Protein backbone atom coordinates (compact mmCIF):
# COMPACT_ATOMS: atom_id res chain seq x y z
CA MET A 1 -6.57 -5.10 16.23
CA LYS A 2 -6.06 -8.09 13.72
CA GLY A 3 -2.22 -7.25 13.72
CA TYR A 4 -2.03 -7.07 17.30
CA LEU A 5 -3.62 -10.15 17.76
CA GLN A 6 -1.57 -12.22 15.61
CA SER A 7 1.74 -10.87 17.58
CA LEU A 8 0.50 -12.68 20.76
CA PRO A 9 2.21 -15.76 21.71
CA GLY A 10 -0.34 -18.71 21.19
CA VAL A 11 -3.12 -16.76 19.44
CA GLY A 12 -1.01 -16.23 16.35
CA PRO A 13 -1.49 -19.72 14.89
CA LEU A 14 -5.21 -19.77 15.51
CA PHE A 15 -4.66 -17.47 11.93
CA GLN A 16 -3.85 -20.46 9.85
CA ARG A 17 -5.69 -18.83 6.74
CA ASP A 18 -3.98 -15.67 6.96
CA MET A 19 -0.75 -14.68 5.04
CA GLN A 20 1.92 -16.40 7.93
CA SER A 21 5.19 -14.26 8.79
CA ALA A 22 7.93 -16.36 6.53
CA GLU A 23 5.57 -15.59 3.78
CA VAL A 24 4.99 -11.87 4.12
CA ALA A 25 9.00 -12.02 4.22
CA ALA A 26 9.52 -13.78 1.54
CA PHE A 27 6.87 -11.94 -0.30
CA TRP A 28 8.62 -8.66 0.33
CA ARG A 29 11.97 -10.04 -0.83
CA TYR A 30 10.91 -11.43 -4.22
CA MET A 31 8.64 -7.61 -4.65
CA GLN A 32 11.99 -6.20 -3.98
CA GLU A 33 13.97 -8.21 -5.93
CA ARG A 34 11.69 -7.74 -9.00
CA PHE A 35 11.39 -3.82 -8.68
CA ARG A 36 15.40 -3.28 -7.51
CA THR A 37 14.23 -1.84 -3.98
CA LYS A 38 15.08 -1.70 -0.79
CA VAL A 39 13.64 -1.55 2.77
CA ALA A 40 14.40 1.08 5.55
CA SER A 41 13.00 1.75 9.20
CA LYS A 42 10.92 4.92 9.09
CA SER A 43 11.75 5.59 12.74
CA ASP A 44 15.48 5.20 12.38
CA SER A 45 15.88 7.55 8.98
CA LEU A 46 16.88 11.01 9.74
CA GLU A 47 15.31 11.59 6.07
CA MET A 48 11.83 10.71 7.33
CA ARG A 49 12.01 12.62 10.50
CA LEU A 50 12.83 15.76 7.99
CA ALA A 51 10.07 14.89 5.97
CA ALA A 52 7.70 14.47 8.60
CA GLU A 53 8.69 18.05 9.60
CA ALA A 54 8.27 19.31 6.64
CA LEU A 55 5.18 17.69 5.73
CA GLN A 56 3.59 19.22 9.13
CA ARG A 57 4.63 22.99 8.03
CA MET A 58 3.36 22.46 4.17
CA GLY A 59 -0.47 21.48 6.13
CA ILE A 60 -0.12 18.26 4.20
CA LEU A 61 -0.19 15.69 7.43
CA ASP A 62 0.81 15.63 11.05
CA LYS A 63 4.17 14.57 11.26
CA GLN A 64 3.78 12.10 14.00
CA ARG A 65 0.80 10.32 12.18
CA PHE A 66 3.45 10.54 9.19
CA LEU A 67 5.71 8.52 10.92
CA GLU A 68 3.50 6.02 12.51
CA ARG A 69 0.94 5.22 10.44
CA PHE A 70 2.60 5.86 6.46
CA THR A 71 4.26 3.61 4.47
CA THR A 72 6.39 6.19 2.80
CA THR A 73 8.74 5.25 -0.91
CA VAL A 74 11.31 7.73 -1.90
CA GLY A 75 13.14 6.58 -5.02
CA ARG A 76 13.76 2.80 -4.74
CA THR A 77 13.33 3.01 -0.82
CA ILE A 78 10.43 2.29 1.17
CA TYR A 79 10.72 3.15 4.63
CA VAL A 80 8.00 0.96 6.67
CA PRO A 81 6.87 1.77 10.64
CA PHE A 82 6.72 -2.04 11.14
CA GLU A 83 8.92 -4.92 10.60
CA VAL A 84 8.52 -7.00 7.88
CA GLY A 85 6.78 -10.32 8.73
CA VAL A 86 5.88 -9.11 12.61
CA PRO A 87 2.43 -8.07 13.16
CA GLN A 88 1.96 -5.39 15.01
CA GLY A 89 -1.22 -3.22 15.85
CA GLY A 90 -2.70 -1.51 13.21
CA TRP A 91 -0.45 -3.60 10.69
CA ASP A 92 -1.41 -7.30 10.37
CA LEU A 93 0.08 -9.62 7.91
CA TRP A 94 -1.99 -9.26 5.09
CA GLY A 95 -2.01 -5.28 6.03
CA GLN A 96 1.85 -5.94 5.39
CA VAL A 97 1.14 -7.37 2.01
CA VAL A 98 -1.11 -4.82 0.52
CA VAL A 99 0.91 -2.03 1.37
CA CYS A 100 3.94 -3.85 -0.17
CA VAL A 101 2.31 -3.60 -3.54
CA HIS A 102 0.65 -0.21 -2.94
CA GLU A 103 4.53 1.08 -2.53
CA HIS A 104 5.93 -0.91 -5.59
CA GLN A 105 3.28 0.93 -7.47
CA HIS A 106 4.54 4.37 -6.63
CA VAL A 107 7.86 3.19 -7.38
CA VAL A 108 6.42 2.15 -10.67
CA GLN A 109 5.44 5.62 -11.43
CA HIS A 110 8.69 7.08 -10.12
CA ASP A 111 10.00 5.51 -12.85
CA GLU A 112 7.59 6.13 -15.62
CA GLU A 113 7.88 9.94 -14.92
CA GLY A 114 10.89 10.45 -13.57
CA PRO A 115 12.18 13.14 -11.19
CA SER A 116 9.19 15.33 -11.95
CA TYR A 117 7.34 12.64 -10.07
CA GLU A 118 8.46 13.37 -6.87
CA LEU A 119 8.08 17.11 -7.01
CA ASN A 120 4.26 16.86 -8.33
CA TYR A 121 3.45 14.68 -5.44
CA LEU A 122 4.72 17.11 -3.00
CA THR A 123 3.85 19.87 -4.62
CA SER A 124 0.34 19.18 -6.24
CA PRO A 125 -2.83 17.86 -4.45
CA ALA A 126 -4.44 16.74 -7.30
CA SER A 127 -1.28 14.73 -8.56
CA ARG A 128 -1.26 13.60 -5.40
CA ALA A 129 -4.47 11.93 -5.33
CA GLN A 130 -4.09 11.12 -9.09
CA TYR A 131 -0.97 8.73 -8.00
CA GLU A 132 -2.92 7.51 -4.81
CA ALA A 133 -5.63 6.46 -6.77
CA GLU A 134 -3.55 4.59 -8.87
CA ALA A 135 -1.50 2.94 -6.03
CA TYR A 136 -4.74 2.02 -4.45
CA THR A 137 -6.17 -0.03 -7.26
CA CYS A 138 -3.40 -2.36 -5.84
CA ASN A 139 -5.62 -2.23 -3.25
CA LEU A 140 -8.77 -2.69 -5.29
CA GLU A 141 -7.37 -5.91 -7.01
CA LEU A 142 -5.23 -7.48 -4.09
CA HIS A 143 -9.20 -7.26 -1.84
CA TYR A 144 -10.65 -8.66 -4.81
CA TRP A 145 -8.33 -11.65 -4.98
CA ARG A 146 -8.58 -12.28 -1.50
CA TYR A 147 -11.86 -11.98 -1.11
CA GLY A 148 -13.99 -11.92 -4.36
CA THR A 149 -15.12 -8.40 -3.42
CA THR A 150 -13.97 -4.70 -3.91
CA PRO A 151 -14.22 -2.05 -1.43
CA SER A 152 -15.77 1.30 -1.24
CA PRO A 153 -14.27 3.26 -4.00
CA ARG A 154 -15.58 6.29 -1.63
CA ALA A 155 -14.03 4.60 1.68
CA LEU A 156 -10.10 4.27 -0.39
CA ALA A 157 -10.29 7.75 -1.44
CA GLU A 158 -11.39 9.13 1.57
CA LYS A 159 -8.07 8.28 2.68
CA LEU A 160 -6.57 11.22 0.69
CA ARG A 161 -8.16 13.66 3.20
CA GLY A 162 -4.68 12.50 4.98
CA TYR A 163 -2.98 13.50 2.42
CA GLY A 164 -3.62 16.90 2.18
CA CYS A 165 -5.56 16.84 -0.81
CA ARG A 166 -8.90 19.23 -1.69
CA LEU A 167 -12.76 17.79 -2.23
CA GLU A 168 -12.56 17.80 -5.23
CA ASP A 169 -9.49 15.60 -5.79
CA ILE A 170 -11.22 13.44 -3.49
CA GLU A 171 -14.55 13.41 -5.60
CA VAL A 172 -12.11 12.52 -8.81
CA ALA A 173 -10.19 9.98 -7.08
CA THR A 174 -13.54 8.43 -6.02
CA HIS A 175 -14.79 7.98 -9.95
CA THR A 176 -11.71 6.89 -11.08
CA LEU A 177 -11.67 3.90 -8.21
CA ALA A 178 -15.58 3.24 -8.95
CA LEU A 179 -14.46 2.87 -12.42
CA THR A 180 -11.82 0.67 -12.19
CA SER A 181 -13.69 -1.53 -9.45
CA ALA A 182 -16.08 -2.06 -12.15
CA SER A 183 -13.27 -3.54 -14.45
CA VAL A 184 -11.41 -5.46 -11.28
CA ARG A 185 -14.90 -7.14 -10.57
CA ARG A 186 -14.58 -8.60 -14.21
CA SER A 187 -10.92 -9.88 -13.27
CA ALA A 188 -9.13 -7.47 -14.88
CA VAL A 189 -5.74 -6.93 -13.13
CA VAL A 190 -4.91 -2.86 -14.08
CA ARG A 191 -1.43 -1.99 -12.21
CA GLU A 192 1.84 -3.51 -13.05
CA ALA A 193 2.78 -3.99 -9.05
CA THR A 194 -0.40 -6.12 -8.67
CA HIS A 195 0.19 -8.19 -11.51
CA ALA A 196 3.87 -9.18 -10.31
CA ALA A 197 2.44 -9.41 -6.45
CA LEU A 198 -0.54 -12.04 -8.37
CA GLU A 199 1.97 -14.47 -9.89
CA TRP A 200 3.73 -14.99 -6.46
CA LEU A 201 0.64 -15.46 -4.54
CA ASN A 202 -0.84 -17.36 -7.33
CA SER A 203 1.70 -19.57 -6.80
CA HIS A 204 2.64 -19.45 -3.07
CA VAL A 205 -0.50 -18.56 -0.99
CA PRO A 206 -3.23 -20.13 -3.88
CA HIS A 207 -5.30 -21.56 -1.17
CA LEU A 208 -5.62 -17.75 -0.17
CA ARG A 209 -7.34 -16.75 -3.15
CA ALA A 210 -11.57 -16.56 -2.92
CA LYS A 211 -13.36 -18.43 -5.08
CA GLN A 212 -14.46 -16.39 -8.36
CA ASP A 213 -16.64 -17.50 -11.08
């Protein structure tokens, strides 16, 4: 809803305390340069349409939901279902910042593990839950920076149902995120992508940071 409201002529400027379109575009450029990534349109990608069919056959994810609701990173290419810096329903401007950092953490994982990363992600629900829990740590860290609170670890972990993860994998992810939340509330920054993001955010939009003790 917020993304939709931001996209309406004459309404978007009311959100002056949020990220602005030019700032979001600049942030994505910064992260792309920092991690040597590129952005592509998901709807225009034959590779993504084929992946959607495969994921549905494997019982991991509905193909239409995959194409419209999920940002996907393969190697150093981030496939987005929105235009960066342009708010739309389901993708408000701050949400575009958060998903940028989340996906760049997947790039970090790929760099750390090499070719086995994508195979493990696709074939092992436990590995997929672990990777996503690590990336959702970025969501926790950014939420704390922006609002001074941390979202529910359970609510974040429940998103993994949409990734074809098992109940036991979701329980492990919930526990992992709960432990991480405690560290984040003590102002720890755990993930590499968040470290990079906060350098830019603290420098360019410090007014958005929540007051923290």
